[in-house]
Amino acid sequence: MITQRHDRFRNFVYGLALALMIGWILYIGQAVIIPVIASVILAYIVTAIAQYMQRIPVIGPLTPSSVRFSISIAMIILIVAAIVWLIISNINQLIALAPTYQERLLSIIQGIWRSFGEEFGIATEPTWETIRRDIFGEVSLQSLIGSTVTSVSVLVGTMFVIFVYTGFALAERQVFERKSKRLTESPDDSRRILEIVSVINTRIGDYLATKTLINLVLGLMCYIVMAAIDLDFAAFWGVLIALMNYVPYVGSFLGVLFPTAIAIVQFGDVPWVLGTFLALTACQVFVGSLLEPSLMGRSLNLSPFIILVSLTGWGALWGIAGALLSVPLMAIMVIILSEFDGTRPIAVLLSRNGRIPPKRHNRDIEDRVEGKPGTPADNLILPDRDAAE
């Protein structure tokens, strides 16, 4: 008994030390690791789009795999290039309008402060001048947006590196099966590795492709609403809303907050600002409550609390990139942890409903006993049966 406790404590200490070392490596190596992981995620999206193209009636099955992959890559490059061009062109216009927005913002705050002072008998003029001089007088929107332009230029360079990595990752995909067979002398172990990778590919690829489609629909809906009310930079905000929707929970909130803030300095009228807020919120609610559950019927089976904790942890570790990658990374971790006896309880705790499929090896044995063919990889995508029960 004492020996078992000693072994458990030793394993706990080793595991904690390993986790700390991995966390430190991820933090100090983020400049190298993030583009690599982003390229792998992008390769998932390319693969999923190519597979969806194969399902197109008549044309899909006749189109060679290389052509489908080439079309998928070209589509993504064009979309990314259009987004970067839109961001850069709109930032230039924002720089030109920044002084006007700053004056309107100061006027609005000044009016609110004066009303507050008259209500409570506070001398508004000295206090307002102090606030204007010490706070808003030191804020230059032009300088702030100018630094954003520099960040965008760095982002463009990073995207180029990611595309190069993605190309090599897709090329490596063709020989991965042959390499995996040489990782171990056991055919069962080799097949198990391939099956785990296949499950990861299926679940993450489906999730990212469907999520991308949903985000495009959300961005288009919000763009139509903002263009109808003649909000400045409607196309820019539509793209930003679509991108931020990749971030769980927080992205939806920011997708409403930023355009509403622009509406405040542009219109300065409560009905228009409130209408913008309510219309964008309605779009978010429709997509989040109706469209997304119907299209993403097969869940990644992650606990909402774990998703929030993952968002916070990866965001603290890698910033915005970590927030964007948090859900796919956690899904991959759950799949891998569920395949090993020692880590399977952790996968159960990370899951949404506590149900994770049996290990691949065990299911194959059951299928052979019952005379059934092997279980398809996407059977690991479990529907949420809580509502049915």
Protein backbone atom coordinates (compact mmCIF):
# COMPACT_ATOMS: atom_id res chain seq x y z
CA MET A 1 0.00 0.00 0.00
CA ILE A 2 2.80 2.42 0.93
CA THR A 3 4.66 1.51 -2.25
CA GLN A 4 1.55 2.23 -4.35
CA ARG A 5 1.08 5.62 -2.70
CA HIS A 6 4.73 6.41 -3.23
CA ASP A 7 4.44 5.49 -6.91
CA ARG A 8 1.32 7.62 -7.33
CA PHE A 9 2.97 10.62 -5.67
CA ARG A 10 6.10 10.16 -7.78
CA ASN A 11 4.03 9.94 -10.98
CA PHE A 12 2.11 13.05 -9.92
CA VAL A 13 5.34 14.99 -9.35
CA TYR A 14 6.76 13.80 -12.68
CA GLY A 15 3.54 14.72 -14.48
CA LEU A 16 3.44 18.16 -12.88
CA ALA A 17 7.08 18.80 -13.74
CA LEU A 18 6.51 17.67 -17.33
CA ALA A 19 3.44 19.92 -17.64
CA LEU A 20 5.42 22.92 -16.36
CA MET A 21 8.28 22.23 -18.77
CA ILE A 22 5.91 21.86 -21.71
CA GLY A 23 4.11 25.06 -20.74
CA TRP A 24 7.40 26.95 -20.54
CA ILE A 25 8.50 25.61 -23.94
CA LEU A 26 5.15 26.58 -25.48
CA TYR A 27 5.50 30.08 -24.06
CA ILE A 28 9.08 30.83 -25.06
CA GLY A 29 8.73 29.08 -28.43
CA GLN A 30 5.41 30.61 -29.47
CA ALA A 31 6.98 32.49 -32.41
CA VAL A 32 7.87 29.13 -33.97
CA ILE A 33 5.11 26.88 -32.60
CA ILE A 34 2.07 29.05 -33.43
CA PRO A 35 2.72 29.20 -37.21
CA VAL A 36 3.30 25.43 -37.26
CA ILE A 37 0.03 24.68 -35.42
CA ALA A 38 -1.86 27.26 -37.50
CA SER A 39 -0.56 25.60 -40.69
CA VAL A 40 -1.77 22.20 -39.47
CA ILE A 41 -5.21 23.68 -38.69
CA LEU A 42 -5.27 25.31 -42.13
CA ALA A 43 -4.35 21.97 -43.68
CA TYR A 44 -7.40 20.48 -41.93
CA ILE A 45 -9.63 23.14 -43.51
CA VAL A 46 -8.12 22.55 -46.97
CA THR A 47 -8.64 18.79 -46.63
CA ALA A 48 -12.23 19.20 -45.42
CA ILE A 49 -13.10 21.54 -48.31
CA ALA A 50 -11.56 19.10 -50.80
CA GLN A 51 -13.59 16.26 -49.31
CA TYR A 52 -16.79 18.32 -49.49
CA MET A 53 -16.06 19.10 -53.13
CA GLN A 54 -15.90 15.37 -53.81
CA ARG A 55 -19.55 15.10 -52.68
CA ILE A 56 -20.75 17.46 -55.41
CA PRO A 57 -23.05 15.44 -57.69
CA VAL A 58 -21.58 14.29 -61.02
CA ILE A 59 -18.57 16.67 -61.00
CA GLY A 60 -17.17 15.83 -57.55
CA PRO A 61 -16.33 12.13 -57.99
CA LEU A 62 -14.81 12.81 -61.42
CA THR A 63 -12.50 15.58 -60.19
CA PRO A 64 -8.97 14.38 -59.36
CA SER A 65 -7.79 14.77 -55.78
CA SER A 66 -4.92 17.07 -56.79
CA VAL A 67 -7.34 19.42 -58.59
CA ARG A 68 -9.69 19.56 -55.60
CA PHE A 69 -6.84 20.34 -53.22
CA SER A 70 -5.49 23.00 -55.58
CA ILE A 71 -8.92 24.67 -55.81
CA SER A 72 -9.27 24.57 -52.00
CA ILE A 73 -5.87 26.19 -51.48
CA ALA A 74 -6.58 28.84 -54.13
CA MET A 75 -9.93 29.67 -52.49
CA ILE A 76 -8.33 30.13 -49.08
CA ILE A 77 -5.48 32.26 -50.47
CA LEU A 78 -7.97 34.52 -52.29
CA ILE A 79 -10.14 34.88 -49.17
CA VAL A 80 -7.16 35.69 -46.94
CA ALA A 81 -5.77 38.17 -49.49
CA ALA A 82 -9.16 39.88 -49.75
CA ILE A 83 -9.42 40.11 -45.96
CA VAL A 84 -5.92 41.59 -45.61
CA TRP A 85 -6.58 44.11 -48.39
CA LEU A 86 -9.90 45.09 -46.77
CA ILE A 87 -8.27 45.54 -43.37
CA ILE A 88 -5.40 47.67 -44.72
CA SER A 89 -7.64 49.88 -46.86
CA ASN A 90 -10.13 50.45 -44.04
CA ILE A 91 -7.39 51.22 -41.52
CA ASN A 92 -6.15 54.00 -43.81
CA GLN A 93 -9.64 55.50 -43.83
CA LEU A 94 -9.87 55.09 -40.06
CA ILE A 95 -6.65 57.07 -39.67
CA ALA A 96 -8.15 59.88 -41.74
CA LEU A 97 -11.37 59.93 -39.70
CA ALA A 98 -9.70 59.40 -36.30
CA PRO A 99 -9.58 63.11 -35.32
CA THR A 100 -13.30 63.50 -36.11
CA TYR A 101 -14.18 60.43 -34.07
CA GLN A 102 -12.04 61.65 -31.19
CA GLU A 103 -13.77 65.04 -31.10
CA ARG A 104 -17.21 63.42 -31.20
CA LEU A 105 -16.23 61.08 -28.40
CA LEU A 106 -15.00 63.98 -26.28
CA SER A 107 -18.21 65.90 -26.94
CA ILE A 108 -20.38 62.95 -25.93
CA ILE A 109 -18.43 62.34 -22.71
CA GLN A 110 -18.43 66.05 -21.93
CA GLY A 111 -22.21 66.25 -22.33
CA ILE A 112 -22.75 63.22 -20.09
CA TRP A 113 -20.39 64.58 -17.45
CA ARG A 114 -22.05 67.99 -17.44
CA SER A 115 -25.49 66.42 -17.03
CA PHE A 116 -24.16 64.33 -14.17
CA GLY A 117 -22.65 67.41 -12.51
CA GLU A 118 -25.84 69.43 -12.77
CA GLU A 119 -27.82 66.55 -11.28
CA PHE A 120 -25.61 66.20 -8.21
CA GLY A 121 -24.35 69.75 -7.92
CA ILE A 122 -20.76 68.97 -8.96
CA ALA A 123 -18.60 71.66 -10.54
CA THR A 124 -18.26 70.14 -13.98
CA GLU A 125 -15.88 72.50 -15.77
CA PRO A 126 -12.71 72.01 -13.74
CA THR A 127 -13.28 68.27 -13.39
CA TRP A 128 -13.99 67.85 -17.08
CA GLU A 129 -10.97 69.86 -18.10
CA THR A 130 -8.80 67.73 -15.84
CA ILE A 131 -10.18 64.54 -17.36
CA ARG A 132 -9.78 65.88 -20.89
CA ARG A 133 -6.22 67.07 -20.29
CA ASP A 134 -4.95 64.10 -18.29
CA ILE A 135 -6.73 61.25 -20.04
CA PHE A 136 -8.26 61.93 -23.42
CA GLY A 137 -5.79 64.65 -24.29
CA GLU A 138 -3.03 62.02 -24.13
CA VAL A 139 -4.87 59.56 -26.38
CA SER A 140 -4.15 59.80 -30.08
CA LEU A 141 -6.34 57.52 -32.16
CA GLN A 142 -4.11 58.15 -35.17
CA SER A 143 -1.04 56.81 -33.31
CA LEU A 144 -3.04 53.87 -32.01
CA ILE A 145 -4.31 52.94 -35.48
CA GLY A 146 -0.86 53.53 -36.96
CA SER A 147 0.59 50.91 -34.63
CA THR A 148 -2.20 48.60 -35.76
CA VAL A 149 -1.00 49.00 -39.35
CA THR A 150 2.43 47.76 -38.25
CA SER A 151 0.78 44.77 -36.57
CA VAL A 152 -1.11 44.00 -39.79
CA SER A 153 2.16 44.06 -41.77
CA VAL A 154 3.64 41.53 -39.31
CA LEU A 155 0.46 39.47 -39.67
CA VAL A 156 0.85 39.41 -43.46
CA GLY A 157 4.40 38.06 -43.11
CA THR A 158 3.22 35.42 -40.62
CA MET A 159 0.42 34.36 -42.97
CA PHE A 160 2.94 33.85 -45.76
CA VAL A 161 4.99 31.55 -43.51
CA ILE A 162 1.81 29.68 -42.50
CA PHE A 163 0.87 29.10 -46.15
CA VAL A 164 4.35 27.73 -46.88
CA TYR A 165 4.11 25.38 -43.89
CA THR A 166 0.62 24.31 -44.99
CA GLY A 167 1.87 23.35 -48.43
CA PHE A 168 4.57 21.14 -46.94
CA ALA A 169 2.10 19.66 -44.40
CA LEU A 170 -0.27 18.67 -47.23
CA ALA A 171 2.62 17.12 -49.13
CA GLU A 172 3.68 15.24 -45.98
CA ARG A 173 0.15 13.90 -45.64
CA GLN A 174 0.68 11.72 -48.71
CA VAL A 175 3.56 9.77 -47.13
CA PHE A 176 2.40 9.78 -43.50
CA GLU A 177 0.78 6.35 -43.72
CA ARG A 178 3.98 4.79 -45.02
CA LYS A 179 6.02 6.46 -42.29
CA SER A 180 3.59 5.43 -39.54
CA LYS A 181 3.97 1.77 -40.48
CA ARG A 182 7.69 2.06 -39.75
CA LEU A 183 7.22 3.73 -36.35
CA THR A 184 6.62 0.37 -34.72
CA GLU A 185 7.12 -3.27 -35.54
CA SER A 186 3.60 -4.15 -34.38
CA PRO A 187 0.95 -3.93 -37.15
CA ASP A 188 -1.76 -3.38 -34.51
CA ASP A 189 0.07 -0.41 -33.01
CA SER A 190 0.67 1.05 -36.45
CA ARG A 191 -3.01 0.66 -37.36
CA ARG A 192 -4.03 2.22 -34.08
CA ILE A 193 -1.86 5.28 -34.75
CA LEU A 194 -3.43 5.69 -38.17
CA GLU A 195 -6.94 5.34 -36.74
CA ILE A 196 -6.33 7.96 -34.03
CA VAL A 197 -4.97 10.36 -36.64
CA SER A 198 -7.99 9.59 -38.85
CA VAL A 199 -10.37 10.41 -36.01
CA ILE A 200 -8.58 13.68 -35.33
CA ASN A 201 -8.69 14.56 -39.02
CA THR A 202 -12.40 13.79 -39.29
CA ARG A 203 -13.55 15.61 -36.18
CA ILE A 204 -11.32 18.68 -36.44
CA GLY A 205 -11.76 18.95 -40.21
CA ASP A 206 -15.56 18.80 -39.97
CA TYR A 207 -15.59 21.26 -37.08
CA LEU A 208 -13.35 23.82 -38.77
CA ALA A 209 -15.06 23.59 -42.17
CA THR A 210 -18.55 23.91 -40.67
CA LYS A 211 -17.47 26.66 -38.29
CA THR A 212 -15.93 28.59 -41.19
CA LEU A 213 -19.20 28.37 -43.15
CA ILE A 214 -21.18 29.53 -40.12
CA ASN A 215 -18.83 32.46 -39.55
CA LEU A 216 -19.15 33.53 -43.19
CA VAL A 217 -22.94 33.50 -42.88
CA LEU A 218 -22.77 35.51 -39.64
CA GLY A 219 -20.37 38.06 -41.16
CA LEU A 220 -22.62 38.47 -44.21
CA MET A 221 -25.74 38.92 -42.08
CA CYS A 222 -24.07 41.54 -39.89
CA TYR A 223 -22.68 43.32 -42.98
CA ILE A 224 -26.19 43.59 -44.46
CA VAL A 225 -27.49 45.05 -41.19
CA MET A 226 -24.65 47.57 -40.87
CA ALA A 227 -24.81 48.56 -44.56
CA ALA A 228 -28.58 49.12 -44.20
CA ILE A 229 -28.03 51.66 -41.40
CA ASP A 230 -25.03 53.15 -43.26
CA LEU A 231 -22.50 52.37 -40.52
CA ASP A 232 -18.95 53.36 -41.40
CA PHE A 233 -16.67 50.49 -42.53
CA ALA A 234 -19.52 47.95 -42.63
CA ALA A 235 -17.52 45.46 -44.73
CA PHE A 236 -14.54 45.71 -42.36
CA TRP A 237 -16.72 45.03 -39.31
CA GLY A 238 -18.43 42.13 -41.09
CA VAL A 239 -15.07 40.45 -41.71
CA LEU A 240 -13.94 41.16 -38.15
CA ILE A 241 -17.15 39.67 -36.73
CA ALA A 242 -16.65 36.52 -38.83
CA LEU A 243 -13.07 36.14 -37.59
CA MET A 244 -13.89 36.82 -33.94
CA ASN A 245 -16.63 34.20 -33.95
CA TYR A 246 -13.89 31.54 -33.93
CA VAL A 247 -13.23 32.56 -30.31
CA PRO A 248 -15.83 30.91 -28.05
CA TYR A 249 -18.12 33.19 -26.02
CA VAL A 250 -15.86 36.25 -26.02
CA GLY A 251 -15.86 36.58 -29.82
CA SER A 252 -19.63 37.03 -30.01
CA PHE A 253 -19.53 39.75 -27.35
CA LEU A 254 -16.72 41.67 -29.07
CA GLY A 255 -18.47 41.25 -32.43
CA VAL A 256 -21.33 43.35 -31.08
CA LEU A 257 -19.26 45.72 -28.93
CA PHE A 258 -16.91 47.14 -31.58
CA PRO A 259 -19.55 48.13 -34.20
CA THR A 260 -21.73 49.56 -31.42
CA ALA A 261 -18.81 51.71 -30.25
CA ILE A 262 -18.40 53.06 -33.80
CA ALA A 263 -22.15 53.74 -33.93
CA ILE A 264 -21.81 55.84 -30.77
CA VAL A 265 -19.16 58.15 -32.24
CA GLN A 266 -20.74 58.17 -35.71
CA PHE A 267 -24.41 58.75 -34.87
CA GLY A 268 -24.35 59.98 -31.27
CA ASP A 269 -28.07 59.25 -31.14
CA VAL A 270 -29.48 56.75 -28.62
CA PRO A 271 -32.15 55.18 -30.91
CA TRP A 272 -29.60 54.54 -33.69
CA VAL A 273 -27.02 53.13 -31.28
CA LEU A 274 -29.59 50.94 -29.55
CA GLY A 275 -30.94 49.75 -32.92
CA THR A 276 -27.42 48.79 -34.05
CA PHE A 277 -26.80 46.90 -30.82
CA LEU A 278 -30.11 45.01 -30.94
CA ALA A 279 -29.84 44.14 -34.65
CA LEU A 280 -26.31 42.73 -34.29
CA THR A 281 -27.30 40.86 -31.13
CA ALA A 282 -30.23 39.31 -33.01
CA CYS A 283 -27.84 38.07 -35.71
CA GLN A 284 -25.55 36.54 -33.08
CA VAL A 285 -28.48 34.87 -31.28
CA PHE A 286 -29.90 33.46 -34.54
CA VAL A 287 -26.56 31.98 -35.60
CA GLY A 288 -25.54 30.77 -32.13
CA SER A 289 -28.91 29.34 -31.08
CA LEU A 290 -30.43 28.08 -34.34
CA LEU A 291 -28.02 27.88 -37.27
CA GLU A 292 -24.93 26.54 -35.49
CA PRO A 293 -26.67 23.71 -33.57
CA SER A 294 -28.45 22.56 -36.74
CA LEU A 295 -25.30 22.53 -38.91
CA MET A 296 -22.95 21.21 -36.22
CA GLY A 297 -25.18 18.34 -35.16
CA ARG A 298 -22.17 16.22 -34.21
CA SER A 299 -20.53 17.94 -31.31
CA LEU A 300 -16.87 17.95 -30.37
CA ASN A 301 -18.12 16.71 -26.98
CA LEU A 302 -16.24 19.30 -24.91
CA SER A 303 -17.51 20.67 -21.63
CA PRO A 304 -18.52 24.36 -21.87
CA PHE A 305 -16.60 25.02 -18.67
CA ILE A 306 -13.50 23.34 -20.12
CA ILE A 307 -13.87 25.40 -23.31
CA LEU A 308 -13.93 28.58 -21.21
CA VAL A 309 -10.93 27.50 -19.13
CA SER A 310 -9.09 26.47 -22.31
CA LEU A 311 -9.86 29.83 -23.88
CA THR A 312 -8.45 31.63 -20.84
CA GLY A 313 -5.37 29.41 -20.56
CA TRP A 314 -4.36 29.37 -24.21
CA GLY A 315 -5.22 33.06 -24.50
CA ALA A 316 -2.91 33.88 -21.59
CA LEU A 317 -0.19 31.70 -23.11
CA TRP A 318 -0.38 32.79 -26.76
CA GLY A 319 -2.72 35.81 -26.84
CA ILE A 320 -5.25 36.08 -29.68
CA ALA A 321 -3.68 33.14 -31.53
CA GLY A 322 -4.15 30.95 -28.47
CA ALA A 323 -7.79 31.98 -28.16
CA LEU A 324 -8.42 31.06 -31.81
CA LEU A 325 -6.69 27.68 -31.49
CA SER A 326 -8.03 26.74 -28.05
CA VAL A 327 -11.03 24.62 -29.12
CA PRO A 328 -9.28 22.54 -31.82
CA LEU A 329 -6.32 21.92 -29.50
CA MET A 330 -8.58 20.72 -26.67
CA ALA A 331 -10.52 18.45 -29.02
CA ILE A 332 -7.28 16.83 -30.19
CA MET A 333 -6.18 16.37 -26.58
CA VAL A 334 -9.45 14.63 -25.63
CA ILE A 335 -9.19 12.23 -28.59
CA ILE A 336 -5.61 11.26 -27.70
CA LEU A 337 -6.25 11.01 -23.94
CA SER A 338 -9.25 8.72 -24.51
CA GLU A 339 -7.06 6.07 -26.20
CA PHE A 340 -4.86 5.31 -23.17
CA ASP A 341 -5.88 3.70 -19.87
CA GLY A 342 -3.87 6.08 -17.69
CA THR A 343 -5.31 9.26 -19.24
CA ARG A 344 -8.83 8.09 -20.12
CA PRO A 345 -10.37 9.46 -16.86
CA ILE A 346 -9.03 12.91 -17.81
CA ALA A 347 -10.80 12.65 -21.19
CA VAL A 348 -14.04 11.78 -19.37
CA LEU A 349 -13.72 14.88 -17.17
CA LEU A 350 -13.02 17.09 -20.21
CA SER A 351 -16.02 15.76 -22.16
CA ARG A 352 -19.39 17.44 -22.24
CA ASN A 353 -21.57 14.58 -21.01
CA GLY A 354 -19.04 12.10 -19.63
CA ARG A 355 -19.56 9.74 -22.58
CA ILE A 356 -16.51 8.97 -24.63
CA PRO A 357 -16.28 6.04 -27.03
CA PRO A 358 -14.41 2.88 -26.05
CA LYS A 359 -10.81 2.63 -27.03
CA ARG A 360 -10.23 1.81 -30.66
CA HIS A 361 -8.48 -1.48 -29.83
CA ASN A 362 -11.39 -2.69 -27.66
CA ARG A 363 -13.98 -1.88 -30.30
CA ASP A 364 -12.06 -3.77 -32.97
CA ILE A 365 -12.00 -6.85 -30.75
CA GLU A 366 -15.76 -6.57 -30.14
CA ASP A 367 -16.41 -6.16 -33.86
CA ARG A 368 -14.34 -9.23 -34.73
CA VAL A 369 -16.17 -11.30 -32.09
CA GLU A 370 -19.55 -10.20 -33.46
CA GLY A 371 -18.41 -10.54 -37.06
CA LYS A 372 -18.90 -6.84 -37.83
CA PRO A 373 -16.70 -4.63 -39.98
CA GLY A 374 -14.44 -2.07 -38.33
CA THR A 375 -16.11 0.96 -36.80
CA PRO A 376 -15.88 4.08 -39.00
CA ALA A 377 -13.63 6.82 -37.72
CA ASP A 378 -16.37 9.41 -37.43
CA ASN A 379 -18.35 7.25 -35.03
CA LEU A 380 -16.14 8.91 -32.44
CA ILE A 381 -18.19 12.07 -32.96
CA LEU A 382 -20.91 11.49 -30.42
CA PRO A 383 -24.26 13.28 -30.57
CA ASP A 384 -25.39 15.03 -27.47
CA ARG A 385 -28.03 12.69 -26.08
CA ASP A 386 -28.75 14.64 -22.90
CA ALA A 387 -31.77 16.35 -24.45
CA ALA A 388 -33.20 13.01 -25.59
CA GLU A 389 -32.86 11.57 -22.13
